[in-house]
PDB file of N, CA and C in Angstrom:
ATOM      1  N   GLN A   1      -9.806  16.234   5.505  1.00  0.00           N
ATOM      2  CA  GLN A   1      -9.370  14.923   6.205  1.00  0.00           C
ATOM      3  C   GLN A   1      -9.683  13.624   5.558  1.00  0.00           C
ATOM      4  N   VAL A   2      -8.873  12.694   5.561  1.00  0.00           N
ATOM      5  CA  VAL A   2      -8.973  11.618   4.551  1.00  0.00           C
ATOM      6  C   VAL A   2      -9.123  10.485   5.488  1.00  0.00           C
ATOM      7  N   GLN A   3     -10.230   9.422   5.305  1.00  0.00           N
ATOM      8  CA  GLN A   3     -10.226   7.971   5.846  1.00  0.00           C
ATOM      9  C   GLN A   3     -10.138   7.012   4.669  1.00  0.00           C
ATOM     10  N   LEU A   4      -8.958   6.084   5.311  1.00  0.00           N
ATOM     11  CA  LEU A   4      -8.430   5.115   4.639  1.00  0.00           C
ATOM     12  C   LEU A   4      -8.881   3.740   5.138  1.00  0.00           C
ATOM     13  N   VAL A   5      -9.602   2.971   4.179  1.00  0.00           N
ATOM     14  CA  VAL A   5      -9.908   1.434   4.775  1.00  0.00           C
ATOM     15  C   VAL A   5      -9.236   0.628   4.029  1.00  0.00           C
ATOM     16  N   GLU A   6      -8.341  -0.377   4.526  1.00  0.00           N
ATOM     17  CA  GLU A   6      -7.531  -1.330   3.829  1.00  0.00           C
ATOM     18  C   GLU A   6      -8.532  -2.735   4.030  1.00  0.00           C
ATOM     19  N   SER A   7      -8.241  -3.407   2.951  1.00  0.00           N
ATOM     20  CA  SER A   7      -9.208  -4.909   2.688  1.00  0.00           C
ATOM     21  C   SER A   7      -8.124  -5.649   2.072  1.00  0.00           C
ATOM     22  N   GLY A   8      -8.570  -7.028   2.075  1.00  0.00           N
ATOM     23  CA  GLY A   8      -7.780  -8.049   1.098  1.00  0.00           C
ATOM     24  C   GLY A   8      -6.665  -9.082   1.684  1.00  0.00           C
ATOM     25  N   GLY A   9      -6.387  -8.476   2.876  1.00  0.00           N
ATOM     26  CA  GLY A   9      -5.349  -9.406   3.693  1.00  0.00           C
ATOM     27  C   GLY A   9      -5.913 -10.833   3.981  1.00  0.00           C
ATOM     28  N   GLY A  10      -4.623 -11.637   4.494  1.00  0.00           N
ATOM     29  CA  GLY A  10      -5.106 -13.116   4.867  1.00  0.00           C
ATOM     30  C   GLY A  10      -4.206 -13.866   4.861  1.00  0.00           C
ATOM     31  N   LEU A  11      -4.396 -15.170   5.026  1.00  0.00           N
ATOM     32  CA  LEU A  11      -3.356 -16.194   5.198  1.00  0.00           C
ATOM     33  C   LEU A  11      -3.273 -16.931   3.576  1.00  0.00           C
ATOM     34  N   VAL A  12      -1.970 -16.989   3.063  1.00  0.00           N
ATOM     35  CA  VAL A  12      -1.832 -17.543   2.008  1.00  0.00           C
ATOM     36  C   VAL A  12      -0.237 -18.293   2.120  1.00  0.00           C
ATOM     37  N   GLN A  13      -0.111 -19.354   1.321  1.00  0.00           N
ATOM     38  CA  GLN A  13       0.982 -20.364   1.249  1.00  0.00           C
ATOM     39  C   GLN A  13       2.183 -19.388   0.552  1.00  0.00           C
ATOM     40  N   ALA A  14       3.323 -19.544   0.658  1.00  0.00           N
ATOM     41  CA  ALA A  14       4.565 -19.142  -0.029  1.00  0.00           C
ATOM     42  C   ALA A  14       4.237 -19.476  -1.531  1.00  0.00           C
ATOM     43  N   GLY A  15       4.454 -18.344  -2.304  1.00  0.00           N
ATOM     44  CA  GLY A  15       4.383 -18.621  -3.666  1.00  0.00           C
ATOM     45  C   GLY A  15       2.808 -18.125  -4.263  1.00  0.00           C
ATOM     46  N   GLY A  16       2.088 -17.777  -3.260  1.00  0.00           N
ATOM     47  CA  GLY A  16       0.806 -17.489  -3.657  1.00  0.00           C
ATOM     48  C   GLY A  16       0.620 -15.972  -3.853  1.00  0.00           C
ATOM     49  N   SER A  17      -0.723 -15.358  -4.140  1.00  0.00           N
ATOM     50  CA  SER A  17      -1.011 -14.224  -4.232  1.00  0.00           C
ATOM     51  C   SER A  17      -2.101 -13.591  -3.669  1.00  0.00           C
ATOM     52  N   LEU A  18      -1.778 -12.195  -3.323  1.00  0.00           N
ATOM     53  CA  LEU A  18      -3.267 -11.276  -2.584  1.00  0.00           C
ATOM     54  C   LEU A  18      -3.139 -10.229  -3.346  1.00  0.00           C
ATOM     55  N   ARG A  19      -4.387  -9.674  -3.419  1.00  0.00           N
ATOM     56  CA  ARG A  19      -4.815  -8.430  -3.707  1.00  0.00           C
ATOM     57  C   ARG A  19      -5.252  -7.413  -2.535  1.00  0.00           C
ATOM     58  N   LEU A  20      -4.609  -6.490  -2.453  1.00  0.00           N
ATOM     59  CA  LEU A  20      -5.024  -5.419  -1.163  1.00  0.00           C
ATOM     60  C   LEU A  20      -5.578  -4.435  -1.746  1.00  0.00           C
ATOM     61  N   SER A  21      -6.723  -3.725  -1.053  1.00  0.00           N
ATOM     62  CA  SER A  21      -7.341  -2.675  -1.700  1.00  0.00           C
ATOM     63  C   SER A  21      -7.394  -1.597  -0.547  1.00  0.00           C
ATOM     64  N   CYS A  22      -7.322  -0.357  -0.996  1.00  0.00           N
ATOM     65  CA  CYS A  22      -7.546   0.799   0.032  1.00  0.00           C
ATOM     66  C   CYS A  22      -8.453   1.821  -0.321  1.00  0.00           C
ATOM     67  N   ALA A  23      -9.561   1.950   0.244  1.00  0.00           N
ATOM     68  CA  ALA A  23     -10.792   2.664  -0.057  1.00  0.00           C
ATOM     69  C   ALA A  23     -10.591   4.025   0.599  1.00  0.00           C
ATOM     70  N   ALA A  24     -10.533   5.199   0.021  1.00  0.00           N
ATOM     71  CA  ALA A  24     -10.417   6.517   0.381  1.00  0.00           C
ATOM     72  C   ALA A  24     -11.627   7.128   0.351  1.00  0.00           C
ATOM     73  N   SER A  25     -12.007   7.864   1.141  1.00  0.00           N
ATOM     74  CA  SER A  25     -13.025   8.904   1.570  1.00  0.00           C
ATOM     75  C   SER A  25     -12.408  10.463   1.373  1.00  0.00           C
ATOM     76  N   SER A  26     -12.349  11.006   0.015  1.00  0.00           N
ATOM     77  CA  SER A  26     -11.725  12.266  -0.178  1.00  0.00           C
ATOM     78  C   SER A  26     -12.251  12.648  -1.726  1.00  0.00           C
ATOM     79  N   HIS A  27     -12.700  13.985  -1.758  1.00  0.00           N
ATOM     80  CA  HIS A  27     -13.215  14.640  -2.859  1.00  0.00           C
ATOM     81  C   HIS A  27     -11.891  14.920  -3.822  1.00  0.00           C
ATOM     82  N   SER A  28     -10.685  14.886  -3.082  1.00  0.00           N
ATOM     83  CA  SER A  28      -9.513  15.163  -3.687  1.00  0.00           C
ATOM     84  C   SER A  28      -8.686  14.193  -4.048  1.00  0.00           C
ATOM     85  N   PHE A  29      -8.974  12.806  -4.137  1.00  0.00           N
ATOM     86  CA  PHE A  29      -8.485  11.837  -3.997  1.00  0.00           C
ATOM     87  C   PHE A  29      -7.637  11.807  -5.521  1.00  0.00           C
ATOM     88  N   SER A  30      -8.026  12.145  -6.697  1.00  0.00           N
ATOM     89  CA  SER A  30      -7.329  12.015  -7.801  1.00  0.00           C
ATOM     90  C   SER A  30      -6.300  13.150  -7.885  1.00  0.00           C
ATOM     91  N   ARG A  31      -5.996  13.800  -6.914  1.00  0.00           N
ATOM     92  CA  ARG A  31      -4.819  14.613  -6.570  1.00  0.00           C
ATOM     93  C   ARG A  31      -3.953  14.351  -5.524  1.00  0.00           C
ATOM     94  N   ILE A  32      -4.160  12.965  -4.991  1.00  0.00           N
ATOM     95  CA  ILE A  32      -3.431  12.813  -3.809  1.00  0.00           C
ATOM     96  C   ILE A  32      -2.613  11.511  -4.103  1.00  0.00           C
ATOM     97  N   ALA A  33      -1.004  11.735  -3.778  1.00  0.00           N
ATOM     98  CA  ALA A  33      -0.216  10.614  -3.702  1.00  0.00           C
ATOM     99  C   ALA A  33      -0.577   9.652  -2.783  1.00  0.00           C
ATOM    100  N   MET A  34      -0.429   8.181  -3.227  1.00  0.00           N
ATOM    101  CA  MET A  34      -0.628   7.355  -2.169  1.00  0.00           C
ATOM    102  C   MET A  34       0.426   6.338  -2.158  1.00  0.00           C
ATOM    103  N   GLY A  35       0.705   5.730  -0.643  1.00  0.00           N
ATOM    104  CA  GLY A  35       1.631   4.781  -0.788  1.00  0.00           C
ATOM    105  C   GLY A  35       1.137   3.292   0.077  1.00  0.00           C
ATOM    106  N   TRP A  36       1.719   2.462   0.032  1.00  0.00           N
ATOM    107  CA  TRP A  36       1.719   1.144   0.926  1.00  0.00           C
ATOM    108  C   TRP A  36       3.087   1.005   1.726  1.00  0.00           C
ATOM    109  N   PHE A  37       2.531   0.712   3.048  1.00  0.00           N
ATOM    110  CA  PHE A  37       3.733   0.520   3.869  1.00  0.00           C
ATOM    111  C   PHE A  37       3.417  -1.009   4.526  1.00  0.00           C
ATOM    112  N   ARG A  38       4.395  -1.560   5.223  1.00  0.00           N
ATOM    113  CA  ARG A  38       4.233  -2.699   5.938  1.00  0.00           C
ATOM    114  C   ARG A  38       5.063  -2.613   7.437  1.00  0.00           C
ATOM    115  N   GLN A  39       4.432  -3.256   8.209  1.00  0.00           N
ATOM    116  CA  GLN A  39       4.960  -3.406   9.755  1.00  0.00           C
ATOM    117  C   GLN A  39       5.207  -4.752  10.119  1.00  0.00           C
ATOM    118  N   ALA A  40       6.268  -5.532  10.379  1.00  0.00           N
ATOM    119  CA  ALA A  40       6.397  -6.928  11.081  1.00  0.00           C
ATOM    120  C   ALA A  40       6.556  -6.727  12.519  1.00  0.00           C
ATOM    121  N   PRO A  41       6.176  -7.593  13.534  1.00  0.00           N
ATOM    122  CA  PRO A  41       6.442  -7.447  14.787  1.00  0.00           C
ATOM    123  C   PRO A  41       7.683  -7.269  15.190  1.00  0.00           C
ATOM    124  N   GLY A  42       8.079  -6.236  15.997  1.00  0.00           N
ATOM    125  CA  GLY A  42       9.256  -6.105  16.448  1.00  0.00           C
ATOM    126  C   GLY A  42      10.097  -4.993  15.477  1.00  0.00           C
ATOM    127  N   LYS A  43       9.580  -5.053  14.424  1.00  0.00           N
ATOM    128  CA  LYS A  43      10.359  -3.917  13.317  1.00  0.00           C
ATOM    129  C   LYS A  43       9.921  -2.640  13.114  1.00  0.00           C
ATOM    130  N   GLU A  44      10.351  -2.020  12.400  1.00  0.00           N
ATOM    131  CA  GLU A  44       9.886  -0.568  11.941  1.00  0.00           C
ATOM    132  C   GLU A  44       9.113  -0.480  10.685  1.00  0.00           C
ATOM    133  N   ARG A  45       8.221   0.443  10.644  1.00  0.00           N
ATOM    134  CA  ARG A  45       7.281   0.444   9.459  1.00  0.00           C
ATOM    135  C   ARG A  45       8.060   0.752   7.994  1.00  0.00           C
ATOM    136  N   GLU A  46       7.951   0.062   7.283  1.00  0.00           N
ATOM    137  CA  GLU A  46       8.874   0.253   6.040  1.00  0.00           C
ATOM    138  C   GLU A  46       8.087   0.346   4.663  1.00  0.00           C
ATOM    139  N   PHE A  47       8.735   1.053   3.869  1.00  0.00           N
ATOM    140  CA  PHE A  47       7.915   1.392   2.670  1.00  0.00           C
ATOM    141  C   PHE A  47       7.966   0.152   1.749  1.00  0.00           C
ATOM    142  N   VAL A  48       6.811   0.205   1.061  1.00  0.00           N
ATOM    143  CA  VAL A  48       6.621  -0.794   0.040  1.00  0.00           C
ATOM    144  C   VAL A  48       6.378  -0.242  -1.397  1.00  0.00           C
ATOM    145  N   ALA A  49       5.634   0.733  -1.472  1.00  0.00           N
ATOM    146  CA  ALA A  49       5.167   1.190  -2.851  1.00  0.00           C
ATOM    147  C   ALA A  49       4.676   2.189  -2.901  1.00  0.00           C
ATOM    148  N   ASP A  50       4.670   3.323  -3.729  1.00  0.00           N
ATOM    149  CA  ASP A  50       3.965   4.237  -3.738  1.00  0.00           C
ATOM    150  C   ASP A  50       3.357   4.523  -5.264  1.00  0.00           C
ATOM    151  N   ILE A  51       2.206   5.727  -5.397  1.00  0.00           N
ATOM    152  CA  ILE A  51       1.941   6.003  -6.722  1.00  0.00           C
ATOM    153  C   ILE A  51       1.652   7.622  -6.628  1.00  0.00           C
ATOM    154  N   SER A  52       1.727   8.038  -8.103  1.00  0.00           N
ATOM    155  CA  SER A  52       1.478   9.402  -8.167  1.00  0.00           C
ATOM    156  C   SER A  52      -0.250   9.661  -8.474  1.00  0.00           C
ATOM    157  N   TRP A  53      -0.553  10.827  -8.392  1.00  0.00           N
ATOM    158  CA  TRP A  53      -1.921  11.198  -8.593  1.00  0.00           C
ATOM    159  C   TRP A  53      -2.696  10.392  -9.682  1.00  0.00           C
ATOM    160  N   THR A  54      -2.074  10.528 -10.772  1.00  0.00           N
ATOM    161  CA  THR A  54      -2.624   9.990 -11.922  1.00  0.00           C
ATOM    162  C   THR A  54      -1.968   8.603 -11.969  1.00  0.00           C
ATOM    163  N   GLY A  55      -1.272   7.929 -11.445  1.00  0.00           N
ATOM    164  CA  GLY A  55      -1.032   6.493 -11.763  1.00  0.00           C
ATOM    165  C   GLY A  55       0.093   6.391 -12.216  1.00  0.00           C
ATOM    166  N   THR A  56       0.709   7.638 -12.935  1.00  0.00           N
ATOM    167  CA  THR A  56       1.806   7.378 -14.030  1.00  0.00           C
ATOM    168  C   THR A  56       3.238   6.917 -13.243  1.00  0.00           C
ATOM    169  N   ASN A  57       3.355   7.549 -12.187  1.00  0.00           N
ATOM    170  CA  ASN A  57       4.686   7.303 -11.515  1.00  0.00           C
ATOM    171  C   ASN A  57       4.520   6.377 -10.366  1.00  0.00           C
ATOM    172  N   THR A  58       5.265   5.422 -10.488  1.00  0.00           N
ATOM    173  CA  THR A  58       5.223   4.337  -9.255  1.00  0.00           C
ATOM    174  C   THR A  58       6.654   4.275  -8.794  1.00  0.00           C
ATOM    175  N   ASP A  59       6.894   3.564  -7.410  1.00  0.00           N
ATOM    176  CA  ASP A  59       8.166   3.297  -7.055  1.00  0.00           C
ATOM    177  C   ASP A  59       7.864   2.179  -6.221  1.00  0.00           C
ATOM    178  N   TYR A  60       8.995   1.294  -5.926  1.00  0.00           N
ATOM    179  CA  TYR A  60       8.800   0.112  -5.059  1.00  0.00           C
ATOM    180  C   TYR A  60      10.275   0.023  -4.185  1.00  0.00           C
ATOM    181  N   ALA A  61       9.744  -0.613  -3.111  1.00  0.00           N
ATOM    182  CA  ALA A  61      11.093  -1.280  -2.425  1.00  0.00           C
ATOM    183  C   ALA A  61      11.892  -2.155  -3.262  1.00  0.00           C
ATOM    184  N   ASP A  62      13.149  -2.222  -3.056  1.00  0.00           N
ATOM    185  CA  ASP A  62      13.653  -3.478  -3.742  1.00  0.00           C
ATOM    186  C   ASP A  62      13.482  -4.838  -3.410  1.00  0.00           C
ATOM    187  N   SER A  63      12.957  -5.132  -1.880  1.00  0.00           N
ATOM    188  CA  SER A  63      12.608  -6.426  -1.705  1.00  0.00           C
ATOM    189  C   SER A  63      11.159  -6.810  -2.243  1.00  0.00           C
ATOM    190  N   VAL A  64      10.536  -6.043  -3.105  1.00  0.00           N
ATOM    191  CA  VAL A  64       9.434  -6.202  -3.542  1.00  0.00           C
ATOM    192  C   VAL A  64       8.939  -5.948  -5.247  1.00  0.00           C
ATOM    193  N   LYS A  65      10.312  -5.446  -5.652  1.00  0.00           N
ATOM    194  CA  LYS A  65      10.158  -5.166  -7.025  1.00  0.00           C
ATOM    195  C   LYS A  65       9.867  -6.492  -7.951  1.00  0.00           C
ATOM    196  N   GLY A  66       9.209  -6.350  -9.008  1.00  0.00           N
ATOM    197  CA  GLY A  66       8.923  -7.648  -9.898  1.00  0.00           C
ATOM    198  C   GLY A  66       8.084  -8.391  -9.251  1.00  0.00           C
ATOM    199  N   ARG A  67       7.507  -8.150  -8.172  1.00  0.00           N
ATOM    200  CA  ARG A  67       6.657  -9.051  -7.329  1.00  0.00           C
ATOM    201  C   ARG A  67       5.316  -8.629  -7.093  1.00  0.00           C
ATOM    202  N   PHE A  68       5.341  -7.069  -6.404  1.00  0.00           N
ATOM    203  CA  PHE A  68       4.252  -6.399  -6.345  1.00  0.00           C
ATOM    204  C   PHE A  68       3.784  -5.346  -7.230  1.00  0.00           C
ATOM    205  N   THR A  69       2.881  -5.027  -7.535  1.00  0.00           N
ATOM    206  CA  THR A  69       2.307  -3.856  -8.341  1.00  0.00           C
ATOM    207  C   THR A  69       1.327  -2.919  -7.688  1.00  0.00           C
ATOM    208  N   ILE A  70       1.642  -1.732  -7.641  1.00  0.00           N
ATOM    209  CA  ILE A  70       0.506  -0.688  -7.000  1.00  0.00           C
ATOM    210  C   ILE A  70      -0.168  -0.153  -8.472  1.00  0.00           C
ATOM    211  N   SER A  71      -1.632   0.054  -8.140  1.00  0.00           N
ATOM    212  CA  SER A  71      -2.208   0.848  -9.179  1.00  0.00           C
ATOM    213  C   SER A  71      -3.288   1.560  -8.496  1.00  0.00           C
ATOM    214  N   ARG A  72      -4.187   2.408  -8.993  1.00  0.00           N
ATOM    215  CA  ARG A  72      -5.268   3.108  -8.534  1.00  0.00           C
ATOM    216  C   ARG A  72      -6.153   3.070  -9.551  1.00  0.00           C
ATOM    217  N   ASP A  73      -7.575   3.392  -9.019  1.00  0.00           N
ATOM    218  CA  ASP A  73      -8.654   3.843  -9.790  1.00  0.00           C
ATOM    219  C   ASP A  73      -9.231   4.857  -9.261  1.00  0.00           C
ATOM    220  N   ASN A  74      -8.767   6.007  -9.897  1.00  0.00           N
ATOM    221  CA  ASN A  74      -9.623   7.438  -9.288  1.00  0.00           C
ATOM    222  C   ASN A  74     -11.047   7.539  -9.401  1.00  0.00           C
ATOM    223  N   THR A  75     -11.726   6.815 -10.321  1.00  0.00           N
ATOM    224  CA  THR A  75     -13.127   6.901 -10.299  1.00  0.00           C
ATOM    225  C   THR A  75     -13.775   6.087  -9.087  1.00  0.00           C
ATOM    226  N   LYS A  76     -13.031   5.217  -8.580  1.00  0.00           N
ATOM    227  CA  LYS A  76     -13.379   4.526  -7.457  1.00  0.00           C
ATOM    228  C   LYS A  76     -12.701   4.923  -6.164  1.00  0.00           C
ATOM    229  N   ASN A  77     -11.924   5.777  -6.175  1.00  0.00           N
ATOM    230  CA  ASN A  77     -11.183   6.269  -4.887  1.00  0.00           C
ATOM    231  C   ASN A  77     -10.649   5.216  -4.132  1.00  0.00           C
ATOM    232  N   THR A  78      -9.991   4.401  -5.260  1.00  0.00           N
ATOM    233  CA  THR A  78      -9.296   3.087  -4.463  1.00  0.00           C
ATOM    234  C   THR A  78      -7.688   3.029  -4.899  1.00  0.00           C
ATOM    235  N   VAL A  79      -6.903   2.476  -4.029  1.00  0.00           N
ATOM    236  CA  VAL A  79      -5.769   2.158  -4.586  1.00  0.00           C
ATOM    237  C   VAL A  79      -5.459   0.584  -4.263  1.00  0.00           C
ATOM    238  N   TYR A  80      -4.877  -0.028  -5.095  1.00  0.00           N
ATOM    239  CA  TYR A  80      -4.346  -1.469  -4.880  1.00  0.00           C
ATOM    240  C   TYR A  80      -2.990  -2.016  -4.853  1.00  0.00           C
ATOM    241  N   LEU A  81      -2.989  -3.116  -4.290  1.00  0.00           N
ATOM    242  CA  LEU A  81      -1.394  -3.505  -4.266  1.00  0.00           C
ATOM    243  C   LEU A  81      -1.572  -5.144  -4.650  1.00  0.00           C
ATOM    244  N   GLN A  82      -1.343  -5.383  -5.733  1.00  0.00           N
ATOM    245  CA  GLN A  82      -1.131  -6.918  -6.359  1.00  0.00           C
ATOM    246  C   GLN A  82       0.139  -7.340  -5.734  1.00  0.00           C
ATOM    247  N   MET A  83      -0.072  -8.207  -4.858  1.00  0.00           N
ATOM    248  CA  MET A  83       1.035  -9.334  -4.397  1.00  0.00           C
ATOM    249  C   MET A  83       1.315 -10.682  -4.894  1.00  0.00           C
ATOM    250  N   ASN A  84       2.511 -10.919  -5.733  1.00  0.00           N
ATOM    251  CA  ASN A  84       2.542 -11.989  -6.191  1.00  0.00           C
ATOM    252  C   ASN A  84       3.994 -12.719  -5.887  1.00  0.00           C
ATOM    253  N   SER A  85       3.613 -14.010  -5.992  1.00  0.00           N
ATOM    254  CA  SER A  85       5.069 -14.751  -5.528  1.00  0.00           C
ATOM    255  C   SER A  85       5.685 -14.286  -3.970  1.00  0.00           C
ATOM    256  N   LEU A  86       4.336 -14.482  -3.010  1.00  0.00           N
ATOM    257  CA  LEU A  86       4.718 -14.136  -1.640  1.00  0.00           C
ATOM    258  C   LEU A  86       5.555 -15.151  -1.078  1.00  0.00           C
ATOM    259  N   LYS A  87       6.409 -14.537   0.001  1.00  0.00           N
ATOM    260  CA  LYS A  87       7.370 -15.083   0.798  1.00  0.00           C
ATOM    261  C   LYS A  87       6.995 -15.119   2.275  1.00  0.00           C
ATOM    262  N   PRO A  88       7.561 -15.967   2.793  1.00  0.00           N
ATOM    263  CA  PRO A  88       7.401 -15.515   4.462  1.00  0.00           C
ATOM    264  C   PRO A  88       7.570 -14.149   5.190  1.00  0.00           C
ATOM    265  N   GLU A  89       8.634 -13.791   4.574  1.00  0.00           N
ATOM    266  CA  GLU A  89       9.209 -12.360   5.005  1.00  0.00           C
ATOM    267  C   GLU A  89       8.370 -11.403   4.512  1.00  0.00           C
ATOM    268  N   ASP A  90       7.341 -11.691   3.789  1.00  0.00           N
ATOM    269  CA  ASP A  90       6.312 -10.664   3.448  1.00  0.00           C
ATOM    270  C   ASP A  90       5.373 -10.265   4.509  1.00  0.00           C
ATOM    271  N   THR A  91       5.189 -11.255   5.448  1.00  0.00           N
ATOM    272  CA  THR A  91       4.318 -11.255   6.363  1.00  0.00           C
ATOM    273  C   THR A  91       4.378  -9.960   7.223  1.00  0.00           C
ATOM    274  N   ALA A  92       3.514  -9.358   7.536  1.00  0.00           N
ATOM    275  CA  ALA A  92       3.392  -7.855   8.089  1.00  0.00           C
ATOM    276  C   ALA A  92       2.054  -7.389   7.966  1.00  0.00           C
ATOM    277  N   ALA A  93       1.933  -6.379   8.877  1.00  0.00           N
ATOM    278  CA  ALA A  93       0.522  -5.535   8.632  1.00  0.00           C
ATOM    279  C   ALA A  93       0.789  -4.556   7.737  1.00  0.00           C
ATOM    280  N   TYR A  94      -0.317  -4.430   6.560  1.00  0.00           N
ATOM    281  CA  TYR A  94      -0.076  -3.828   5.547  1.00  0.00           C
ATOM    282  C   TYR A  94      -0.802  -2.391   5.778  1.00  0.00           C
ATOM    283  N   TYR A  95      -0.175  -1.212   5.361  1.00  0.00           N
ATOM    284  CA  TYR A  95      -1.066   0.110   5.704  1.00  0.00           C
ATOM    285  C   TYR A  95      -0.845   0.870   4.481  1.00  0.00           C
ATOM    286  N   CYS A  96      -2.007   1.613   4.053  1.00  0.00           N
ATOM    287  CA  CYS A  96      -1.986   2.582   2.843  1.00  0.00           C
ATOM    288  C   CYS A  96      -1.957   3.773   3.604  1.00  0.00           C
ATOM    289  N   ALA A  97      -1.404   4.717   3.014  1.00  0.00           N
ATOM    290  CA  ALA A  97      -1.354   6.005   3.462  1.00  0.00           C
ATOM    291  C   ALA A  97      -1.527   7.150   2.553  1.00  0.00           C
ATOM    292  N   ALA A  98      -1.966   8.197   2.945  1.00  0.00           N
ATOM    293  CA  ALA A  98      -2.275   9.310   1.950  1.00  0.00           C
ATOM    294  C   ALA A  98      -1.461  10.464   2.226  1.00  0.00           C
ATOM    295  N   ARG A  99      -0.839  11.409   1.247  1.00  0.00           N
ATOM    296  CA  ARG A  99      -0.400  12.691   1.274  1.00  0.00           C
ATOM    297  C   ARG A  99      -1.466  13.655   1.403  1.00  0.00           C
ATOM    298  N   LEU A 100      -1.141  14.892   1.498  1.00  0.00           N
ATOM    299  CA  LEU A 100      -1.761  16.103   1.432  1.00  0.00           C
ATOM    300  C   LEU A 100      -2.020  16.259  -0.151  1.00  0.00           C
ATOM    301  N   PRO A 101      -2.983  16.761  -0.690  1.00  0.00           N
ATOM    302  CA  PRO A 101      -3.216  17.119  -2.223  1.00  0.00           C
ATOM    303  C   PRO A 101      -2.126  17.656  -2.903  1.00  0.00           C
ATOM    304  N   TYR A 102      -1.695  17.439  -3.950  1.00  0.00           N
ATOM    305  CA  TYR A 102      -0.610  18.041  -4.654  1.00  0.00           C
ATOM    306  C   TYR A 102       0.837  17.799  -4.129  1.00  0.00           C
ATOM    307  N   TYR A 103       1.136  17.210  -3.080  1.00  0.00           N
ATOM    308  CA  TYR A 103       2.374  16.703  -2.826  1.00  0.00           C
ATOM    309  C   TYR A 103       2.828  15.469  -3.518  1.00  0.00           C
ATOM    310  N   ALA A 104       3.871  15.300  -3.814  1.00  0.00           N
ATOM    311  CA  ALA A 104       4.567  14.156  -4.523  1.00  0.00           C
ATOM    312  C   ALA A 104       4.571  13.015  -3.754  1.00  0.00           C
ATOM    313  N   CYS A 105       4.903  11.898  -4.323  1.00  0.00           N
ATOM    314  CA  CYS A 105       5.074  10.512  -3.673  1.00  0.00           C
ATOM    315  C   CYS A 105       6.350  10.590  -2.690  1.00  0.00           C
ATOM    316  N   SER A 106       6.358   9.662  -2.044  1.00  0.00           N
ATOM    317  CA  SER A 106       7.697   9.839  -0.990  1.00  0.00           C
ATOM    318  C   SER A 106       7.719   8.434  -0.159  1.00  0.00           C
ATOM    319  N   GLY A 107       8.987   7.908  -0.132  1.00  0.00           N
ATOM    320  CA  GLY A 107       9.069   6.750   0.608  1.00  0.00           C
ATOM    321  C   GLY A 107       9.325   6.558   2.031  1.00  0.00           C
ATOM    322  N   ARG A 108       9.089   7.808   2.426  1.00  0.00           N
ATOM    323  CA  ARG A 108       9.363   8.282   3.978  1.00  0.00           C
ATOM    324  C   ARG A 108       7.812   8.084   4.603  1.00  0.00           C
ATOM    325  N   PRO A 109       7.679   7.085   5.542  1.00  0.00           N
ATOM    326  CA  PRO A 109       6.430   7.472   6.226  1.00  0.00           C
ATOM    327  C   PRO A 109       6.011   8.662   6.960  1.00  0.00           C
ATOM    328  N   GLY A 110       7.056   9.448   7.489  1.00  0.00           N
ATOM    329  CA  GLY A 110       6.681  10.757   8.103  1.00  0.00           C
ATOM    330  C   GLY A 110       6.048  11.754   6.954  1.00  0.00           C
ATOM    331  N   ALA A 111       6.158  11.573   5.618  1.00  0.00           N
ATOM    332  CA  ALA A 111       5.694  12.157   4.657  1.00  0.00           C
ATOM    333  C   ALA A 111       4.375  12.220   4.550  1.00  0.00           C
ATOM    334  N   TYR A 112       3.637  11.237   4.969  1.00  0.00           N
ATOM    335  CA  TYR A 112       2.179  10.979   4.811  1.00  0.00           C
ATOM    336  C   TYR A 112       1.384  11.343   6.025  1.00  0.00           C
ATOM    337  N   ASP A 113       0.326  11.865   5.647  1.00  0.00           N
ATOM    338  CA  ASP A 113      -0.635  12.609   6.804  1.00  0.00           C
ATOM    339  C   ASP A 113      -1.885  11.769   7.173  1.00  0.00           C
ATOM    340  N   TYR A 114      -2.355  10.795   6.447  1.00  0.00           N
ATOM    341  CA  TYR A 114      -3.411   9.948   6.747  1.00  0.00           C
ATOM    342  C   TYR A 114      -2.960   8.430   6.282  1.00  0.00           C
ATOM    343  N   TRP A 115      -3.388   7.850   7.383  1.00  0.00           N
ATOM    344  CA  TRP A 115      -3.272   6.500   7.514  1.00  0.00           C
ATOM    345  C   TRP A 115      -4.392   5.524   7.806  1.00  0.00           C
ATOM    346  N   GLY A 116      -4.511   4.221   7.155  1.00  0.00           N
ATOM    347  CA  GLY A 116      -5.687   3.353   7.477  1.00  0.00           C
ATOM    348  C   GLY A 116      -5.063   2.542   8.658  1.00  0.00           C
ATOM    349  N   ARG A 117      -6.008   1.590   9.112  1.00  0.00           N
ATOM    350  CA  ARG A 117      -5.792   0.695  10.131  1.00  0.00           C
ATOM    351  C   ARG A 117      -4.666  -0.549   9.916  1.00  0.00           C
ATOM    352  N   GLY A 118      -4.971  -0.686   8.706  1.00  0.00           N
ATOM    353  CA  GLY A 118      -3.878  -2.033   8.424  1.00  0.00           C
ATOM    354  C   GLY A 118      -4.624  -3.192   8.279  1.00  0.00           C
ATOM    355  N   THR A 119      -4.148  -4.094   7.323  1.00  0.00           N
ATOM    356  CA  THR A 119      -4.787  -5.231   6.941  1.00  0.00           C
ATOM    357  C   THR A 119      -3.437  -6.357   7.145  1.00  0.00           C
ATOM    358  N   GLN A 120      -3.575  -7.420   7.664  1.00  0.00           N
ATOM    359  CA  GLN A 120      -2.623  -8.301   8.250  1.00  0.00           C
ATOM    360  C   GLN A 120      -2.660  -9.465   7.059  1.00  0.00           C
ATOM    361  N   VAL A 121      -1.359  -9.472   6.584  1.00  0.00           N
ATOM    362  CA  VAL A 121      -0.801 -10.578   5.512  1.00  0.00           C
ATOM    363  C   VAL A 121      -0.083 -11.493   6.236  1.00  0.00           C
ATOM    364  N   THR A 122      -0.372 -12.729   6.044  1.00  0.00           N
ATOM    365  CA  THR A 122       0.524 -13.893   6.639  1.00  0.00           C
ATOM    366  C   THR A 122       0.754 -14.798   5.516  1.00  0.00           C
ATOM    367  N   VAL A 123       2.286 -15.129   5.438  1.00  0.00           N
ATOM    368  CA  VAL A 123       2.436 -15.895   4.458  1.00  0.00           C
ATOM    369  C   VAL A 123       3.141 -17.085   5.212  1.00  0.00           C
ATOM    370  N   SER A 124       2.732 -18.474   5.071  1.00  0.00           N
ATOM    371  CA  SER A 124       3.201 -19.633   5.347  1.00  0.00           C
ATOM    372  C   SER A 124       4.335 -20.172   4.439  1.00  0.00           C
ATOM    373  N   SER A 125       5.312 -20.816   5.373  1.00  0.00           N
ATOM    374  CA  SER A 125       6.211 -21.583   4.477  1.00  0.00           C
ATOM    375  C   SER A 125       5.898 -22.923   4.043  1.00  0.00           C
TER     376      SER A 125
END
């Protein structure tokens, strides 16, 4: 069982930055691929970024490439999402998710077994 707690969301003006954190309670964190997803009102949950166990491999949605950076600190059981040059269309609830140990990264929400409760990001124009 993995518990995930997101933090760092808030209200920011367009062009601003936020850093989201996701703290995981798991003795196997260093062997778990992690992902960030987001969901805006009335829309389906969509992939934002993912990262492999070691942090060597990352992937991003086209809409955030060059603006967002995913990273992890396995000594702190935490994954981060640095969001720069934010746009109003980035407004959504952001969720972190974990796969079972040893599974590879995936951009599919259905591939993830554990989810946090989300943190709201609102970008004003």
